[in-house]
Amino acid sequence: MSTEAMAGPQTSGPRGLIAAPWHLLTVLGVFAYFAVSQAQPTQGQAAAPVVASNGAMIRAYLLNIAEEIGIASWVWAGVRWSGGNLQTLTGRSWTSLRTIVVDVAIAALFWIVWEFTAWAVHRVVDRVQAPTAPYQPPAGLLEVSLWIALSIAAGICEEIVFRGYLQKQFLGATGNLALAVVLQAAVFGFAHTYQGWKQVIVIFVLGILYGVLAASRRNLGANMMAHAWSDIFEGWLRQL
């Protein structure tokens, strides 16, 4: 992959960064805090699953949506302070119905690759004895609706943050696209330590796939669609 593969509206930040170095450190600090505070233990048995009430699930979904929007908004603010705009993060915009259809088709094909990769990595990591956080799927119309809303928010916001912001920031800092893809995937994985360390490995690998897709497409349209759909499918439809 060439450096030009991530080309888009550029800013005049130091060393090609799309936001100030201090801003990058704040974003990394947020993820470091959540990675440490929410990490699952690496030894011992996983805690017995506790069935959360409907109200607790709804509050959790609403809080997660707010967190997704909050970190994406902070990322956008940092880019704007450096002279960029939303397209700096998302890449070139859709210009016609054809470009939308192409991204839908690419997202569908990518999701097939995503599913196979997730299955293959799970086959490897599931051999390791390590606790995994229990998962409670949404139940009832309101929970399902909020889960879909959360999945869409995650698909949009996390792609903006990890592939639109961090990948470009790491590219500007290192000048190496492959390293930038790996670094953003590592942060993406560690941001999910609340799911358990086996999931961190799986999500790290999937983050590399997302990074390669973003670099190849020069926009996040297909990424956002594939990410949102995978969350809807894995978190709800697969559980039916």
C-alpha atoms as a PDB file:
ATOM      1  CA  MET A   1       0.000   0.000   0.000  1.00  0.00           C
ATOM      2  CA  SER A   2       1.348   3.415  -0.856  1.00  0.00           C
ATOM      3  CA  THR A   3       1.149   6.521   1.261  1.00  0.00           C
ATOM      4  CA  GLU A   4      -1.056   8.056  -1.415  1.00  0.00           C
ATOM      5  CA  ALA A   5      -3.659   5.390  -0.691  1.00  0.00           C
ATOM      6  CA  MET A   6      -4.745   7.372   2.336  1.00  0.00           C
ATOM      7  CA  ALA A   7      -4.745  10.655   0.471  1.00  0.00           C
ATOM      8  CA  GLY A   8      -7.576  13.047   1.125  1.00  0.00           C
ATOM      9  CA  PRO A   9      -8.032  16.626   2.246  1.00  0.00           C
ATOM     10  CA  GLN A  10      -4.780  17.438   3.983  1.00  0.00           C
ATOM     11  CA  THR A  11      -3.898  19.810   6.792  1.00  0.00           C
ATOM     12  CA  SER A  12      -0.717  21.636   7.616  1.00  0.00           C
ATOM     13  CA  GLY A  13      -0.059  19.876  10.913  1.00  0.00           C
ATOM     14  CA  PRO A  14       3.448  18.835  11.941  1.00  0.00           C
ATOM     15  CA  ARG A  15       4.907  15.946   9.927  1.00  0.00           C
ATOM     16  CA  GLY A  16       1.644  15.550   8.033  1.00  0.00           C
ATOM     17  CA  LEU A  17      -0.502  14.959  11.125  1.00  0.00           C
ATOM     18  CA  ILE A  18      -4.172  15.824  10.688  1.00  0.00           C
ATOM     19  CA  ALA A  19      -4.390  17.077  14.291  1.00  0.00           C
ATOM     20  CA  ALA A  20      -1.920  18.334  16.868  1.00  0.00           C
ATOM     21  CA  PRO A  21       0.336  15.817  18.667  1.00  0.00           C
ATOM     22  CA  TRP A  22      -1.159  16.763  22.034  1.00  0.00           C
ATOM     23  CA  HIS A  23      -4.608  15.946  20.672  1.00  0.00           C
ATOM     24  CA  LEU A  24      -3.440  12.517  19.536  1.00  0.00           C
ATOM     25  CA  LEU A  25      -2.119  11.891  23.044  1.00  0.00           C
ATOM     26  CA  THR A  26      -5.502  12.748  24.570  1.00  0.00           C
ATOM     27  CA  VAL A  27      -7.255  10.258  22.280  1.00  0.00           C
ATOM     28  CA  LEU A  28      -4.733   7.549  23.102  1.00  0.00           C
ATOM     29  CA  GLY A  29      -5.069   8.415  26.782  1.00  0.00           C
ATOM     30  CA  VAL A  30      -8.815   7.878  26.699  1.00  0.00           C
ATOM     31  CA  PHE A  31      -8.399   4.431  25.180  1.00  0.00           C
ATOM     32  CA  ALA A  32      -5.582   3.571  27.582  1.00  0.00           C
ATOM     33  CA  TYR A  33      -7.832   4.460  30.511  1.00  0.00           C
ATOM     34  CA  PHE A  34     -10.690   2.280  29.282  1.00  0.00           C
ATOM     35  CA  ALA A  35      -8.322  -0.562  28.367  1.00  0.00           C
ATOM     36  CA  VAL A  36      -6.884  -0.649  31.882  1.00  0.00           C
ATOM     37  CA  SER A  37     -10.050   0.049  33.859  1.00  0.00           C
ATOM     38  CA  GLN A  38     -12.268  -2.390  31.959  1.00  0.00           C
ATOM     39  CA  ALA A  39      -9.774  -5.170  31.236  1.00  0.00           C
ATOM     40  CA  GLN A  40     -10.891  -8.716  31.981  1.00  0.00           C
ATOM     41  CA  PRO A  41      -8.563 -10.768  34.239  1.00  0.00           C
ATOM     42  CA  THR A  42      -5.985 -12.887  32.443  1.00  0.00           C
ATOM     43  CA  GLN A  43      -6.129 -15.716  34.979  1.00  0.00           C
ATOM     44  CA  GLY A  44      -8.850 -17.575  36.769  1.00  0.00           C
ATOM     45  CA  GLN A  45     -12.371 -18.297  35.700  1.00  0.00           C
ATOM     46  CA  ALA A  46     -14.712 -15.773  34.197  1.00  0.00           C
ATOM     47  CA  ALA A  47     -17.289 -14.376  36.524  1.00  0.00           C
ATOM     48  CA  ALA A  48     -20.652 -16.084  36.448  1.00  0.00           C
ATOM     49  CA  PRO A  49     -22.969 -14.249  34.048  1.00  0.00           C
ATOM     50  CA  VAL A  50     -25.405 -11.883  35.699  1.00  0.00           C
ATOM     51  CA  VAL A  51     -28.648 -11.178  33.900  1.00  0.00           C
ATOM     52  CA  ALA A  52     -29.036  -7.421  33.674  1.00  0.00           C
ATOM     53  CA  SER A  53     -32.442  -5.844  33.980  1.00  0.00           C
ATOM     54  CA  ASN A  54     -34.152  -4.225  31.017  1.00  0.00           C
ATOM     55  CA  GLY A  55     -33.520  -0.810  32.517  1.00  0.00           C
ATOM     56  CA  ALA A  56     -29.818  -1.536  33.023  1.00  0.00           C
ATOM     57  CA  MET A  57     -29.452  -2.710  29.431  1.00  0.00           C
ATOM     58  CA  ILE A  58     -31.183   0.393  28.102  1.00  0.00           C
ATOM     59  CA  ARG A  59     -28.989   2.684  30.200  1.00  0.00           C
ATOM     60  CA  ALA A  60     -25.873   0.828  29.041  1.00  0.00           C
ATOM     61  CA  TYR A  61     -26.842   1.139  25.378  1.00  0.00           C
ATOM     62  CA  LEU A  62     -27.591   4.852  25.721  1.00  0.00           C
ATOM     63  CA  LEU A  63     -24.309   5.442  27.565  1.00  0.00           C
ATOM     64  CA  ASN A  64     -22.370   3.539  24.903  1.00  0.00           C
ATOM     65  CA  ILE A  65     -24.001   5.560  22.124  1.00  0.00           C
ATOM     66  CA  ALA A  66     -23.062   8.762  23.937  1.00  0.00           C
ATOM     67  CA  GLU A  67     -19.470   7.539  24.353  1.00  0.00           C
ATOM     68  CA  GLU A  68     -19.195   6.681  20.653  1.00  0.00           C
ATOM     69  CA  ILE A  69     -20.474  10.100  19.612  1.00  0.00           C
ATOM     70  CA  GLY A  70     -18.361  11.842  22.237  1.00  0.00           C
ATOM     71  CA  ILE A  71     -14.987  10.436  21.173  1.00  0.00           C
ATOM     72  CA  ALA A  72     -15.810  10.940  17.468  1.00  0.00           C
ATOM     73  CA  SER A  73     -16.777  14.556  18.197  1.00  0.00           C
ATOM     74  CA  TRP A  74     -13.495  15.127  20.048  1.00  0.00           C
ATOM     75  CA  VAL A  75     -11.579  13.682  17.108  1.00  0.00           C
ATOM     76  CA  TRP A  76     -13.475  15.922  14.680  1.00  0.00           C
ATOM     77  CA  ALA A  77     -12.762  18.957  16.873  1.00  0.00           C
ATOM     78  CA  GLY A  78      -9.034  18.236  16.870  1.00  0.00           C
ATOM     79  CA  VAL A  79      -8.968  17.976  13.087  1.00  0.00           C
ATOM     80  CA  ARG A  80     -10.932  21.207  12.677  1.00  0.00           C
ATOM     81  CA  TRP A  81      -8.516  23.044  14.988  1.00  0.00           C
ATOM     82  CA  SER A  82      -5.735  22.014  12.604  1.00  0.00           C
ATOM     83  CA  GLY A  83      -7.596  23.308   9.562  1.00  0.00           C
ATOM     84  CA  GLY A  84      -9.267  20.101   8.413  1.00  0.00           C
ATOM     85  CA  ASN A  85     -12.894  19.109   8.063  1.00  0.00           C
ATOM     86  CA  LEU A  86     -15.074  16.026   8.183  1.00  0.00           C
ATOM     87  CA  GLN A  87     -13.848  14.881   4.786  1.00  0.00           C
ATOM     88  CA  THR A  88     -10.309  14.856   6.186  1.00  0.00           C
ATOM     89  CA  LEU A  89     -11.508  11.990   8.349  1.00  0.00           C
ATOM     90  CA  THR A  90     -13.918  10.188   6.044  1.00  0.00           C
ATOM     91  CA  GLY A  91     -12.111  10.609   2.725  1.00  0.00           C
ATOM     92  CA  ARG A  92     -13.804  11.438  -0.538  1.00  0.00           C
ATOM     93  CA  SER A  93     -17.572  11.720  -0.375  1.00  0.00           C
ATOM     94  CA  TRP A  94     -20.203   9.857  -2.387  1.00  0.00           C
ATOM     95  CA  THR A  95     -20.822  11.684  -5.657  1.00  0.00           C
ATOM     96  CA  SER A  96     -23.502   9.503  -7.248  1.00  0.00           C
ATOM     97  CA  LEU A  97     -25.796   6.553  -6.702  1.00  0.00           C
ATOM     98  CA  ARG A  98     -23.221   4.380  -8.444  1.00  0.00           C
ATOM     99  CA  THR A  99     -20.536   5.175  -5.865  1.00  0.00           C
ATOM    100  CA  ILE A 100     -22.958   4.228  -3.082  1.00  0.00           C
ATOM    101  CA  VAL A 101     -23.860   0.935  -4.774  1.00  0.00           C
ATOM    102  CA  VAL A 102     -20.177   0.128  -5.284  1.00  0.00           C
ATOM    103  CA  ASP A 103     -19.470   0.686  -1.578  1.00  0.00           C
ATOM    104  CA  VAL A 104     -22.465  -1.469  -0.612  1.00  0.00           C
ATOM    105  CA  ALA A 105     -21.161  -4.292  -2.807  1.00  0.00           C
ATOM    106  CA  ILE A 106     -17.644  -3.947  -1.436  1.00  0.00           C
ATOM    107  CA  ALA A 107     -18.974  -3.888   2.141  1.00  0.00           C
ATOM    108  CA  ALA A 108     -20.911  -7.114   1.495  1.00  0.00           C
ATOM    109  CA  LEU A 109     -17.868  -8.886   0.053  1.00  0.00           C
ATOM    110  CA  PHE A 110     -15.677  -7.528   2.836  1.00  0.00           C
ATOM    111  CA  TRP A 111     -18.093  -8.836   5.460  1.00  0.00           C
ATOM    112  CA  ILE A 112     -17.730 -12.351   4.049  1.00  0.00           C
ATOM    113  CA  VAL A 113     -13.950 -12.041   4.399  1.00  0.00           C
ATOM    114  CA  TRP A 114     -14.472 -10.545   7.874  1.00  0.00           C
ATOM    115  CA  GLU A 115     -16.623 -13.503   8.973  1.00  0.00           C
ATOM    116  CA  PHE A 116     -14.156 -16.092   7.697  1.00  0.00           C
ATOM    117  CA  THR A 117     -11.240 -14.282   9.324  1.00  0.00           C
ATOM    118  CA  ALA A 118     -13.066 -13.993  12.655  1.00  0.00           C
ATOM    119  CA  TRP A 119     -13.907 -17.698  12.540  1.00  0.00           C
ATOM    120  CA  ALA A 120     -10.296 -18.645  11.717  1.00  0.00           C
ATOM    121  CA  VAL A 121      -8.779 -16.482  14.469  1.00  0.00           C
ATOM    122  CA  HIS A 122     -11.308 -17.784  16.980  1.00  0.00           C
ATOM    123  CA  ARG A 123     -10.257 -21.335  16.106  1.00  0.00           C
ATOM    124  CA  VAL A 124      -6.741 -20.418  17.231  1.00  0.00           C
ATOM    125  CA  VAL A 125      -7.386 -18.261  20.296  1.00  0.00           C
ATOM    126  CA  ASP A 126     -10.145 -20.463  21.679  1.00  0.00           C
ATOM    127  CA  ARG A 127      -7.466 -23.081  22.419  1.00  0.00           C
ATOM    128  CA  VAL A 128      -6.097 -20.712  25.069  1.00  0.00           C
ATOM    129  CA  GLN A 129      -7.627 -20.947  28.523  1.00  0.00           C
ATOM    130  CA  ALA A 130      -8.627 -17.390  29.333  1.00  0.00           C
ATOM    131  CA  PRO A 131     -11.877 -15.917  30.610  1.00  0.00           C
ATOM    132  CA  THR A 132     -14.202 -14.169  28.218  1.00  0.00           C
ATOM    133  CA  ALA A 133     -16.712 -11.594  29.336  1.00  0.00           C
ATOM    134  CA  PRO A 134     -20.278 -12.972  29.350  1.00  0.00           C
ATOM    135  CA  TYR A 135     -22.535 -11.456  26.732  1.00  0.00           C
ATOM    136  CA  GLN A 136     -26.228 -10.716  27.128  1.00  0.00           C
ATOM    137  CA  PRO A 137     -27.944 -10.137  23.761  1.00  0.00           C
ATOM    138  CA  PRO A 138     -30.704  -7.544  23.439  1.00  0.00           C
ATOM    139  CA  ALA A 139     -34.252  -8.728  24.112  1.00  0.00           C
ATOM    140  CA  GLY A 140     -37.493  -6.984  23.308  1.00  0.00           C
ATOM    141  CA  LEU A 141     -38.283  -4.249  20.810  1.00  0.00           C
ATOM    142  CA  LEU A 142     -36.688  -1.359  22.701  1.00  0.00           C
ATOM    143  CA  GLU A 143     -33.419  -3.170  23.478  1.00  0.00           C
ATOM    144  CA  VAL A 144     -33.121  -4.454  19.916  1.00  0.00           C
ATOM    145  CA  SER A 145     -33.825  -0.981  18.511  1.00  0.00           C
ATOM    146  CA  LEU A 146     -31.177   0.552  20.763  1.00  0.00           C
ATOM    147  CA  TRP A 147     -28.706  -2.197  19.846  1.00  0.00           C
ATOM    148  CA  ILE A 148     -29.215  -1.410  16.160  1.00  0.00           C
ATOM    149  CA  ALA A 149     -28.759   2.303  16.915  1.00  0.00           C
ATOM    150  CA  LEU A 150     -25.593   1.526  18.888  1.00  0.00           C
ATOM    151  CA  SER A 151     -24.269  -0.658  16.070  1.00  0.00           C
ATOM    152  CA  ILE A 152     -24.817   2.130  13.544  1.00  0.00           C
ATOM    153  CA  ALA A 153     -23.191   4.653  15.889  1.00  0.00           C
ATOM    154  CA  ALA A 154     -20.216   2.316  16.364  1.00  0.00           C
ATOM    155  CA  GLY A 155     -19.929   1.699  12.636  1.00  0.00           C
ATOM    156  CA  ILE A 156     -19.778   5.409  11.896  1.00  0.00           C
ATOM    157  CA  CYS A 157     -17.918   6.734  14.929  1.00  0.00           C
ATOM    158  CA  GLU A 158     -15.341   3.970  15.389  1.00  0.00           C
ATOM    159  CA  GLU A 159     -14.393   4.063  11.718  1.00  0.00           C
ATOM    160  CA  ILE A 160     -13.942   7.825  11.951  1.00  0.00           C
ATOM    161  CA  VAL A 161     -11.832   7.472  15.099  1.00  0.00           C
ATOM    162  CA  PHE A 162      -9.695   4.445  14.244  1.00  0.00           C
ATOM    163  CA  ARG A 163      -9.403   4.417  10.469  1.00  0.00           C
ATOM    164  CA  GLY A 164     -10.180   8.074   9.720  1.00  0.00           C
ATOM    165  CA  TYR A 165      -8.179   9.635  12.547  1.00  0.00           C
ATOM    166  CA  LEU A 166      -5.702   7.280  14.205  1.00  0.00           C
ATOM    167  CA  GLN A 167      -4.579   5.563  11.021  1.00  0.00           C
ATOM    168  CA  LYS A 168      -3.869   8.920   9.376  1.00  0.00           C
ATOM    169  CA  GLN A 169      -2.227  10.281  12.512  1.00  0.00           C
ATOM    170  CA  PHE A 170       0.047   7.247  12.762  1.00  0.00           C
ATOM    171  CA  LEU A 171       0.796   7.549   9.051  1.00  0.00           C
ATOM    172  CA  GLY A 172       1.756  11.185   9.504  1.00  0.00           C
ATOM    173  CA  ALA A 173       3.932  10.347  12.504  1.00  0.00           C
ATOM    174  CA  THR A 174       5.718   7.328  11.015  1.00  0.00           C
ATOM    175  CA  GLY A 175       5.502   7.792   7.252  1.00  0.00           C
ATOM    176  CA  ASN A 176       4.763   4.058   6.992  1.00  0.00           C
ATOM    177  CA  LEU A 177       1.256   3.012   5.965  1.00  0.00           C
ATOM    178  CA  ALA A 178       1.622  -0.647   6.951  1.00  0.00           C
ATOM    179  CA  LEU A 179       2.811   0.365  10.429  1.00  0.00           C
ATOM    180  CA  ALA A 180      -0.040   2.879  10.704  1.00  0.00           C
ATOM    181  CA  VAL A 181      -2.566   0.131   9.915  1.00  0.00           C
ATOM    182  CA  VAL A 182      -1.064  -2.157  12.551  1.00  0.00           C
ATOM    183  CA  LEU A 183      -0.884   0.574  15.208  1.00  0.00           C
ATOM    184  CA  GLN A 184      -4.495   1.666  14.822  1.00  0.00           C
ATOM    185  CA  ALA A 185      -5.571  -1.991  14.889  1.00  0.00           C
ATOM    186  CA  ALA A 186      -3.652  -2.472  18.143  1.00  0.00           C
ATOM    187  CA  VAL A 187      -5.459   0.475  19.737  1.00  0.00           C
ATOM    188  CA  PHE A 188      -8.736  -0.859  18.317  1.00  0.00           C
ATOM    189  CA  GLY A 189      -8.091  -4.216  19.924  1.00  0.00           C
ATOM    190  CA  PHE A 190      -7.072  -2.848  23.311  1.00  0.00           C
ATOM    191  CA  ALA A 191     -10.129  -0.595  23.332  1.00  0.00           C
ATOM    192  CA  HIS A 192     -12.176  -3.811  23.594  1.00  0.00           C
ATOM    193  CA  THR A 193     -10.434  -5.349  26.611  1.00  0.00           C
ATOM    194  CA  TYR A 194     -13.790  -5.399  28.398  1.00  0.00           C
ATOM    195  CA  GLN A 195     -14.646  -8.371  26.170  1.00  0.00           C
ATOM    196  CA  GLY A 196     -11.663 -10.401  27.350  1.00  0.00           C
ATOM    197  CA  TRP A 197      -8.138 -10.833  26.014  1.00  0.00           C
ATOM    198  CA  LYS A 198      -9.045 -13.485  23.461  1.00  0.00           C
ATOM    199  CA  GLN A 199     -11.423 -11.012  21.869  1.00  0.00           C
ATOM    200  CA  VAL A 200      -8.693  -8.369  21.866  1.00  0.00           C
ATOM    201  CA  ILE A 201      -6.630 -10.606  19.571  1.00  0.00           C
ATOM    202  CA  VAL A 202      -9.586 -11.268  17.277  1.00  0.00           C
ATOM    203  CA  ILE A 203     -10.507  -7.593  17.096  1.00  0.00           C
ATOM    204  CA  PHE A 204      -6.877  -6.620  16.473  1.00  0.00           C
ATOM    205  CA  VAL A 205      -6.805  -8.841  13.387  1.00  0.00           C
ATOM    206  CA  LEU A 206     -10.173  -7.522  12.222  1.00  0.00           C
ATOM    207  CA  GLY A 207      -8.886  -3.991  12.793  1.00  0.00           C
ATOM    208  CA  ILE A 208      -6.092  -4.699  10.326  1.00  0.00           C
ATOM    209  CA  LEU A 209      -8.694  -5.768   7.767  1.00  0.00           C
ATOM    210  CA  TYR A 210     -10.653  -2.562   8.340  1.00  0.00           C
ATOM    211  CA  GLY A 211      -7.451  -0.540   7.997  1.00  0.00           C
ATOM    212  CA  VAL A 212      -6.510  -2.177   4.708  1.00  0.00           C
ATOM    213  CA  LEU A 213     -10.012  -1.552   3.341  1.00  0.00           C
ATOM    214  CA  ALA A 214      -9.894   2.123   4.343  1.00  0.00           C
ATOM    215  CA  ALA A 215      -6.465   2.568   2.781  1.00  0.00           C
ATOM    216  CA  SER A 216      -7.578   0.877  -0.430  1.00  0.00           C
ATOM    217  CA  ARG A 217     -10.865   2.763  -0.800  1.00  0.00           C
ATOM    218  CA  ARG A 218      -9.671   6.198   0.344  1.00  0.00           C
ATOM    219  CA  ASN A 219     -13.031   6.672   2.045  1.00  0.00           C
ATOM    220  CA  LEU A 220     -14.865   5.078   4.950  1.00  0.00           C
ATOM    221  CA  GLY A 221     -18.212   4.365   3.309  1.00  0.00           C
ATOM    222  CA  ALA A 222     -17.723   0.608   2.895  1.00  0.00           C
ATOM    223  CA  ASN A 223     -16.000   0.423   6.289  1.00  0.00           C
ATOM    224  CA  MET A 224     -18.923   2.038   8.069  1.00  0.00           C
ATOM    225  CA  MET A 225     -21.502  -0.194   6.411  1.00  0.00           C
ATOM    226  CA  ALA A 226     -19.555  -3.404   7.026  1.00  0.00           C
ATOM    227  CA  HIS A 227     -18.772  -2.434  10.629  1.00  0.00           C
ATOM    228  CA  ALA A 228     -22.360  -1.507  11.497  1.00  0.00           C
ATOM    229  CA  TRP A 229     -23.772  -4.639   9.873  1.00  0.00           C
ATOM    230  CA  SER A 230     -21.260  -6.942  11.563  1.00  0.00           C
ATOM    231  CA  ASP A 231     -22.200  -5.502  14.968  1.00  0.00           C
ATOM    232  CA  ILE A 232     -25.914  -5.904  14.264  1.00  0.00           C
ATOM    233  CA  PHE A 233     -25.393  -9.468  13.054  1.00  0.00           C
ATOM    234  CA  GLU A 234     -22.998 -10.646  15.748  1.00  0.00           C
ATOM    235  CA  GLY A 235     -24.710  -8.912  18.641  1.00  0.00           C
ATOM    236  CA  TRP A 236     -28.319  -9.682  17.768  1.00  0.00           C
ATOM    237  CA  LEU A 237     -29.139 -11.768  14.698  1.00  0.00           C
ATOM    238  CA  ARG A 238     -26.586 -14.493  15.410  1.00  0.00           C
ATOM    239  CA  GLN A 239     -28.041 -14.856  18.916  1.00  0.00           C
ATOM    240  CA  LEU A 240     -31.594 -15.594  17.695  1.00  0.00           C
END
